[in-house]
C-alpha atoms as a PDB file:
ATOM      1  CA  MET A   1       4.454  10.790 -13.265  1.00  0.00           C
ATOM      2  CA  ASP A   2       2.685   8.305 -15.054  1.00  0.00           C
ATOM      3  CA  SER A   3      -0.769   8.970 -16.066  1.00  0.00           C
ATOM      4  CA  ILE A   4      -1.988   5.896 -14.543  1.00  0.00           C
ATOM      5  CA  LEU A   5      -1.709   8.002 -11.155  1.00  0.00           C
ATOM      6  CA  GLU A   6      -4.455  10.502 -12.207  1.00  0.00           C
ATOM      7  CA  LYS A   7      -7.251   7.980 -11.260  1.00  0.00           C
ATOM      8  CA  ASN A   8      -9.336   8.175  -8.121  1.00  0.00           C
ATOM      9  CA  LEU A   9     -10.252   4.702  -7.547  1.00  0.00           C
ATOM     10  CA  TYR A  10      -8.069   1.676  -7.349  1.00  0.00           C
ATOM     11  CA  LEU A  11      -9.099  -2.087  -6.535  1.00  0.00           C
ATOM     12  CA  PHE A  12      -6.228  -3.983  -5.299  1.00  0.00           C
ATOM     13  CA  LYS A  13      -6.627  -8.064  -5.297  1.00  0.00           C
ATOM     14  CA  GLU A  14      -3.840  -9.620  -3.166  1.00  0.00           C
ATOM     15  CA  HIS A  15      -3.172 -13.063  -5.190  1.00  0.00           C
ATOM     16  CA  LEU A  16      -3.841 -16.164  -2.761  1.00  0.00           C
ATOM     17  CA  GLY A  17      -2.148 -19.266  -2.439  1.00  0.00           C
ATOM     18  CA  LEU A  18      -1.963 -21.888   0.319  1.00  0.00           C
ATOM     19  CA  ILE A  19       1.631 -21.806   1.299  1.00  0.00           C
ATOM     20  CA  LYS A  20       2.488 -18.002   0.260  1.00  0.00           C
ATOM     21  CA  ALA A  21       6.057 -16.463   0.994  1.00  0.00           C
ATOM     22  CA  HIS A  22       5.657 -13.411  -1.250  1.00  0.00           C
ATOM     23  CA  ASN A  23       3.169 -11.038  -1.072  1.00  0.00           C
ATOM     24  CA  ASN A  24       1.638 -10.043  -5.064  1.00  0.00           C
ATOM     25  CA  TYR A  25      -1.455  -8.219  -6.278  1.00  0.00           C
ATOM     26  CA  ASP A  26      -2.873  -6.785  -9.113  1.00  0.00           C
ATOM     27  CA  ILE A  27      -4.665  -3.637  -9.265  1.00  0.00           C
ATOM     28  CA  TYR A  28      -7.615  -2.867 -11.430  1.00  0.00           C
ATOM     29  CA  ASP A  29      -9.782  -0.179 -12.464  1.00  0.00           C
ATOM     30  CA  PRO A  30     -13.061  -0.619 -10.596  1.00  0.00           C
ATOM     31  CA  GLU A  31     -14.945   1.164 -13.342  1.00  0.00           C
ATOM     32  CA  SER A  32     -13.437  -0.320 -16.416  1.00  0.00           C
ATOM     33  CA  LYS A  33     -12.934  -3.966 -14.616  1.00  0.00           C
ATOM     34  CA  GLU A  34      -9.616  -3.855 -16.250  1.00  0.00           C
ATOM     35  CA  MET A  35      -6.276  -4.755 -14.625  1.00  0.00           C
ATOM     36  CA  ILE A  36      -4.053  -1.553 -14.657  1.00  0.00           C
ATOM     37  CA  LEU A  37      -1.210  -2.460 -12.651  1.00  0.00           C
ATOM     38  CA  HIS A  38       1.032  -5.277 -10.989  1.00  0.00           C
ATOM     39  CA  CYS A  39       2.628  -5.193  -7.753  1.00  0.00           C
ATOM     40  CA  ARG A  40       5.239  -8.033  -7.181  1.00  0.00           C
ATOM     41  CA  GLU A  41       7.390  -8.570  -4.326  1.00  0.00           C
ATOM     42  CA  LYS A  42      11.394  -8.917  -5.212  1.00  0.00           C
ATOM     43  CA  ASN A  43      14.904  -9.900  -3.482  1.00  0.00           C
ATOM     44  CA  LEU A  44      13.162 -11.915  -0.637  1.00  0.00           C
ATOM     45  CA  ASN A  45      15.819 -14.363   0.813  1.00  0.00           C
ATOM     46  CA  PHE A  46      15.458 -17.867   1.917  1.00  0.00           C
ATOM     47  CA  PHE A  47      15.493 -17.189   5.598  1.00  0.00           C
ATOM     48  CA  TYR A  48      12.561 -14.522   5.565  1.00  0.00           C
ATOM     49  CA  LYS A  49      10.756 -17.381   3.227  1.00  0.00           C
ATOM     50  CA  ILE A  50      10.883 -19.644   6.038  1.00  0.00           C
ATOM     51  CA  VAL A  51      10.019 -17.121   8.686  1.00  0.00           C
ATOM     52  CA  ARG A  52       6.989 -16.211   6.466  1.00  0.00           C
ATOM     53  CA  ILE A  53       5.984 -19.483   5.792  1.00  0.00           C
ATOM     54  CA  PHE A  54       6.455 -21.309   9.039  1.00  0.00           C
ATOM     55  CA  PHE A  55       6.543 -18.302  11.914  1.00  0.00           C
ATOM     56  CA  LYS A  56       3.516 -16.394  10.379  1.00  0.00           C
ATOM     57  CA  ASP A  57       3.369 -14.540  13.702  1.00  0.00           C
ATOM     58  CA  TYR A  58       6.893 -12.522  12.984  1.00  0.00           C
ATOM     59  CA  LYS A  59       5.792 -12.000   9.164  1.00  0.00           C
ATOM     60  CA  ARG A  60       5.188  -8.358   9.455  1.00  0.00           C
ATOM     61  CA  MET A  61       8.636  -8.320  10.838  1.00  0.00           C
ATOM     62  CA  THR A  62      10.331  -9.235   8.103  1.00  0.00           C
ATOM     63  CA  PRO A  63      11.583  -7.032   5.220  1.00  0.00           C
ATOM     64  CA  PHE A  64      10.087  -6.341   1.722  1.00  0.00           C
ATOM     65  CA  GLU A  65      10.477  -4.586  -1.407  1.00  0.00           C
ATOM     66  CA  ILE A  66       7.762  -4.399  -3.809  1.00  0.00           C
ATOM     67  CA  GLU A  67       7.606  -2.799  -7.120  1.00  0.00           C
ATOM     68  CA  ILE A  68       4.327  -1.453  -8.891  1.00  0.00           C
ATOM     69  CA  ARG A  69       4.476  -1.900 -12.619  1.00  0.00           C
ATOM     70  CA  GLY A  70       2.155  -0.750 -15.762  1.00  0.00           C
ATOM     71  CA  LEU A  71       0.990  -3.425 -17.912  1.00  0.00           C
ATOM     72  CA  THR A  72       3.704  -3.010 -20.511  1.00  0.00           C
ATOM     73  CA  GLY A  73       6.742  -3.462 -17.472  1.00  0.00           C
ATOM     74  CA  LYS A  74       7.081  -0.019 -16.845  1.00  0.00           C
ATOM     75  CA  LYS A  75       8.082   0.752 -13.358  1.00  0.00           C
ATOM     76  CA  ILE A  76       5.707   3.254 -11.382  1.00  0.00           C
ATOM     77  CA  LEU A  77       7.294   3.288  -7.948  1.00  0.00           C
ATOM     78  CA  LYS A  78       8.955   0.927  -5.398  1.00  0.00           C
ATOM     79  CA  VAL A  79       7.952   0.478  -1.719  1.00  0.00           C
ATOM     80  CA  LYS A  80      10.649  -1.123   0.684  1.00  0.00           C
ATOM     81  CA  LYS A  81      10.903  -1.946   4.139  1.00  0.00           C
ATOM     82  CA  GLY A  82      13.642  -3.308   6.474  1.00  0.00           C
ATOM     83  CA  VAL A  83      13.586  -5.933   9.544  1.00  0.00           C
ATOM     84  CA  SER A  84      11.499  -4.220  12.304  1.00  0.00           C
ATOM     85  CA  LEU A  85      10.906  -5.264  15.537  1.00  0.00           C
ATOM     86  CA  ILE A  86       8.233  -3.279  16.698  1.00  0.00           C
ATOM     87  CA  LEU A  87       7.712  -0.305  14.379  1.00  0.00           C
ATOM     88  CA  SER A  88       7.999  -0.191  11.059  1.00  0.00           C
ATOM     89  CA  LYS A  89       9.858   2.331   9.062  1.00  0.00           C
ATOM     90  CA  ILE A  90       8.892   2.196   4.897  1.00  0.00           C
ATOM     91  CA  GLN A  91      10.622   4.136   1.983  1.00  0.00           C
ATOM     92  CA  VAL A  92       9.042   4.777  -1.046  1.00  0.00           C
ATOM     93  CA  TYR A  93      10.609   5.177  -4.463  1.00  0.00           C
ATOM     94  CA  ASP A  94       9.693   6.822  -7.698  1.00  0.00           C
ATOM     95  CA  GLU A  95      10.085   5.202 -11.098  1.00  0.00           C
ATOM     96  CA  ASN A  96      13.688   6.285 -11.221  1.00  0.00           C
ATOM     97  CA  ASP A  97      14.481   5.064  -7.814  1.00  0.00           C
ATOM     98  CA  ASN A  98      14.594   8.371  -6.328  1.00  0.00           C
ATOM     99  CA  ILE A  99      12.993   8.704  -2.623  1.00  0.00           C
ATOM    100  CA  VAL A 100       9.739  10.330  -2.673  1.00  0.00           C
ATOM    101  CA  GLY A 101       9.041   9.488   0.977  1.00  0.00           C
ATOM    102  CA  ILE A 102       8.638   7.606   4.085  1.00  0.00           C
ATOM    103  CA  PHE A 103       6.141   6.293   6.287  1.00  0.00           C
ATOM    104  CA  LYS A 104       6.765   5.900   9.890  1.00  0.00           C
ATOM    105  CA  GLN A 105       4.509   3.717  11.974  1.00  0.00           C
ATOM    106  CA  ARG A 106       3.478   5.319  15.490  1.00  0.00           C
ATOM    107  CA  LEU A 107       2.620   3.249  18.314  1.00  0.00           C
ATOM    108  CA  PHE A 108      -0.166   5.003  19.734  1.00  0.00           C
ATOM    109  CA  PRO A 109      -3.027   4.463  18.932  1.00  0.00           C
ATOM    110  CA  PHE A 110      -2.902   0.885  18.533  1.00  0.00           C
ATOM    111  CA  GLY A 111       0.023   0.822  15.794  1.00  0.00           C
ATOM    112  CA  ASN A 112      -2.700   1.193  13.231  1.00  0.00           C
ATOM    113  CA  ASN A 113      -1.501   4.513  12.015  1.00  0.00           C
ATOM    114  CA  PHE A 114       1.295   6.137   9.710  1.00  0.00           C
ATOM    115  CA  ASP A 115       3.145   9.703   9.604  1.00  0.00           C
ATOM    116  CA  MET A 116       3.405   9.825   6.117  1.00  0.00           C
ATOM    117  CA  LEU A 117       6.833  12.188   5.072  1.00  0.00           C
ATOM    118  CA  ASP A 118       8.273  13.670   2.258  1.00  0.00           C
ATOM    119  CA  LYS A 119      11.701  12.981   1.203  1.00  0.00           C
ATOM    120  CA  SER A 120      13.113  15.768   3.700  1.00  0.00           C
ATOM    121  CA  GLU A 121      11.251  14.267   6.337  1.00  0.00           C
ATOM    122  CA  ASN A 122       8.703  16.839   6.880  1.00  0.00           C
ATOM    123  CA  LEU A 123       4.947  15.641   7.230  1.00  0.00           C
ATOM    124  CA  VAL A 124       2.741  15.297   4.163  1.00  0.00           C
ATOM    125  CA  CYS A 125      -0.027  13.738   5.555  1.00  0.00           C
ATOM    126  CA  LYS A 126      -1.104  11.171   8.242  1.00  0.00           C
ATOM    127  CA  LEU A 127      -2.876   7.642   8.030  1.00  0.00           C
ATOM    128  CA  LYS A 128      -5.250   6.597  10.493  1.00  0.00           C
ATOM    129  CA  GLY A 129      -6.957   3.330  10.712  1.00  0.00           C
ATOM    130  CA  ASN A 130      -9.487   2.159  13.326  1.00  0.00           C
ATOM    131  CA  PHE A 131      -8.530  -0.886  15.600  1.00  0.00           C
ATOM    132  CA  ILE A 132     -10.682  -3.644  14.246  1.00  0.00           C
ATOM    133  CA  GLY A 133     -12.337  -2.699  11.386  1.00  0.00           C
ATOM    134  CA  TRP A 134     -10.374  -2.218   7.776  1.00  0.00           C
ATOM    135  CA  ASN A 135     -11.200   1.402   7.185  1.00  0.00           C
ATOM    136  CA  PHE A 136      -8.285   3.679   6.684  1.00  0.00           C
ATOM    137  CA  LYS A 137      -8.208   7.482   6.057  1.00  0.00           C
ATOM    138  CA  PHE A 138      -5.583   9.619   4.718  1.00  0.00           C
ATOM    139  CA  LEU A 139      -5.549  12.790   6.421  1.00  0.00           C
ATOM    140  CA  LYS A 140      -3.700  16.252   5.259  1.00  0.00           C
ATOM    141  CA  GLY A 141      -4.491  18.590   8.815  1.00  0.00           C
ATOM    142  CA  ASP A 142      -8.315  17.981   9.214  1.00  0.00           C
ATOM    143  CA  SER A 143      -8.913  17.316   5.429  1.00  0.00           C
ATOM    144  CA  GLU A 144      -9.427  13.952   4.517  1.00  0.00           C
ATOM    145  CA  VAL A 145      -7.413  13.219   1.131  1.00  0.00           C
ATOM    146  CA  GLY A 146      -8.145   9.436   0.316  1.00  0.00           C
ATOM    147  CA  LEU A 147      -9.914   6.497   2.021  1.00  0.00           C
ATOM    148  CA  VAL A 148      -8.849   2.448   1.977  1.00  0.00           C
ATOM    149  CA  THR A 149     -11.775   0.156   3.045  1.00  0.00           C
ATOM    150  CA  LYS A 150     -12.738  -3.484   2.579  1.00  0.00           C
ATOM    151  CA  LYS A 151     -16.408  -2.397   1.870  1.00  0.00           C
ATOM    152  CA  TRP A 152     -17.227  -0.950  -0.988  1.00  0.00           C
ATOM    153  CA  ALA A 153     -20.646   0.033  -2.148  1.00  0.00           C
ATOM    154  CA  GLY A 154     -19.950   1.731  -5.501  1.00  0.00           C
ATOM    155  CA  ILE A 155     -18.854   0.957  -8.999  1.00  0.00           C
ATOM    156  CA  GLY A 156     -17.113  -2.624  -9.125  1.00  0.00           C
ATOM    157  CA  LYS A 157     -18.568  -4.029  -5.950  1.00  0.00           C
ATOM    158  CA  GLU A 158     -19.258  -7.216  -7.789  1.00  0.00           C
ATOM    159  CA  MET A 159     -15.517  -7.487  -8.171  1.00  0.00           C
ATOM    160  CA  PHE A 160     -14.793  -8.437  -4.350  1.00  0.00           C
ATOM    161  CA  THR A 161     -14.538 -12.312  -4.255  1.00  0.00           C
ATOM    162  CA  SER A 162     -12.364 -12.612  -1.053  1.00  0.00           C
ATOM    163  CA  ALA A 163     -11.569 -10.823   2.186  1.00  0.00           C
ATOM    164  CA  ASP A 164      -7.932  -9.732   0.569  1.00  0.00           C
ATOM    165  CA  ASN A 165      -9.658  -7.591  -1.847  1.00  0.00           C
ATOM    166  CA  TYR A 166      -9.814  -3.474  -1.160  1.00  0.00           C
ATOM    167  CA  ILE A 167     -10.246   0.016  -2.591  1.00  0.00           C
ATOM    168  CA  LEU A 168      -8.307   2.411  -2.539  1.00  0.00           C
ATOM    169  CA  GLU A 169      -9.897   6.179  -3.213  1.00  0.00           C
ATOM    170  CA  ILE A 170      -7.874   8.956  -3.677  1.00  0.00           C
ATOM    171  CA  LYS A 171     -10.169  12.322  -3.461  1.00  0.00           C
ATOM    172  CA  ASP A 172      -9.898  15.161  -6.012  1.00  0.00           C
ATOM    173  CA  LYS A 173      -8.228  17.375  -4.012  1.00  0.00           C
ATOM    174  CA  VAL A 174      -5.434  15.678  -4.266  1.00  0.00           C
ATOM    175  CA  GLU A 175      -3.434  17.030  -7.673  1.00  0.00           C
ATOM    176  CA  LYS A 176      -3.349  15.095 -10.591  1.00  0.00           C
ATOM    177  CA  ASP A 177       0.730  15.492 -10.110  1.00  0.00           C
ATOM    178  CA  SER A 178       1.133  15.606  -6.768  1.00  0.00           C
ATOM    179  CA  PRO A 179       3.659  13.123  -5.247  1.00  0.00           C
ATOM    180  CA  LEU A 180       1.363  12.437  -2.815  1.00  0.00           C
ATOM    181  CA  ARG A 181      -0.575  10.470  -4.899  1.00  0.00           C
ATOM    182  CA  LEU A 182       2.592   7.997  -4.927  1.00  0.00           C
ATOM    183  CA  LEU A 183       2.465   7.921  -1.319  1.00  0.00           C
ATOM    184  CA  ILE A 184      -1.149   6.918  -1.083  1.00  0.00           C
ATOM    185  CA  LEU A 185      -1.085   4.268  -3.637  1.00  0.00           C
ATOM    186  CA  ALA A 186       1.954   2.557  -1.609  1.00  0.00           C
ATOM    187  CA  ALA A 187       0.595   2.810   1.687  1.00  0.00           C
ATOM    188  CA  VAL A 188      -2.205   0.513   0.883  1.00  0.00           C
ATOM    189  CA  LEU A 189       0.526  -1.968   0.615  1.00  0.00           C
ATOM    190  CA  CYS A 190       1.889  -1.055   3.993  1.00  0.00           C
ATOM    191  CA  ILE A 191      -1.632  -1.588   5.373  1.00  0.00           C
ATOM    192  CA  ASP A 192      -1.675  -5.137   4.235  1.00  0.00           C
ATOM    193  CA  MET A 193       1.830  -6.087   4.891  1.00  0.00           C
ATOM    194  CA  VAL A 194       2.836  -4.032   8.051  1.00  0.00           C
ATOM    195  CA  ILE A 195      -0.904  -3.872   9.591  1.00  0.00           C
ATOM    196  CA  LYS A 196      -2.853  -6.354   8.484  1.00  0.00           C
ATOM    197  CA  GLU A 197      -0.589  -9.401   7.882  1.00  0.00           C
END
């Protein structure tokens, strides 16, 4: 696993656009304020571009494939989702395109939750979000292992310039070489593209 995944704080900044079909993000280190990763959506066909631009209510149903890469272009992970009518199922792959895990969206409560599974579909942790806010917790049993929020009072808060920016905090209890770090990083994109679109 890449050493960039050993960090505990990541600031995601979504690219804005007036007419936008693709979702792209840059990821910063909030402490140094330096960009450390790029997230780019790939392989979106013309039909789904039209749906996303002109039928925005259906955007979350469209498929996506996003790669997170380092500044040198080295792939860190890939997140992929097919067409979904009600609940989404998302696959996460490592830098060698080996499956690391799967996210399965749960309907109750409110569809703001995912079961995060390993490649054998064993539960690794749960992603729980509140219905109206932008706070999401990663829970392994009763223990919080990560947090995603748009309200950040810590280092790098001055970097927040729009509502499309948010912070990921991975707790120290998650080992530096754990595949769970890949899943948590990938989950932030799923929150934005599946739940909050």
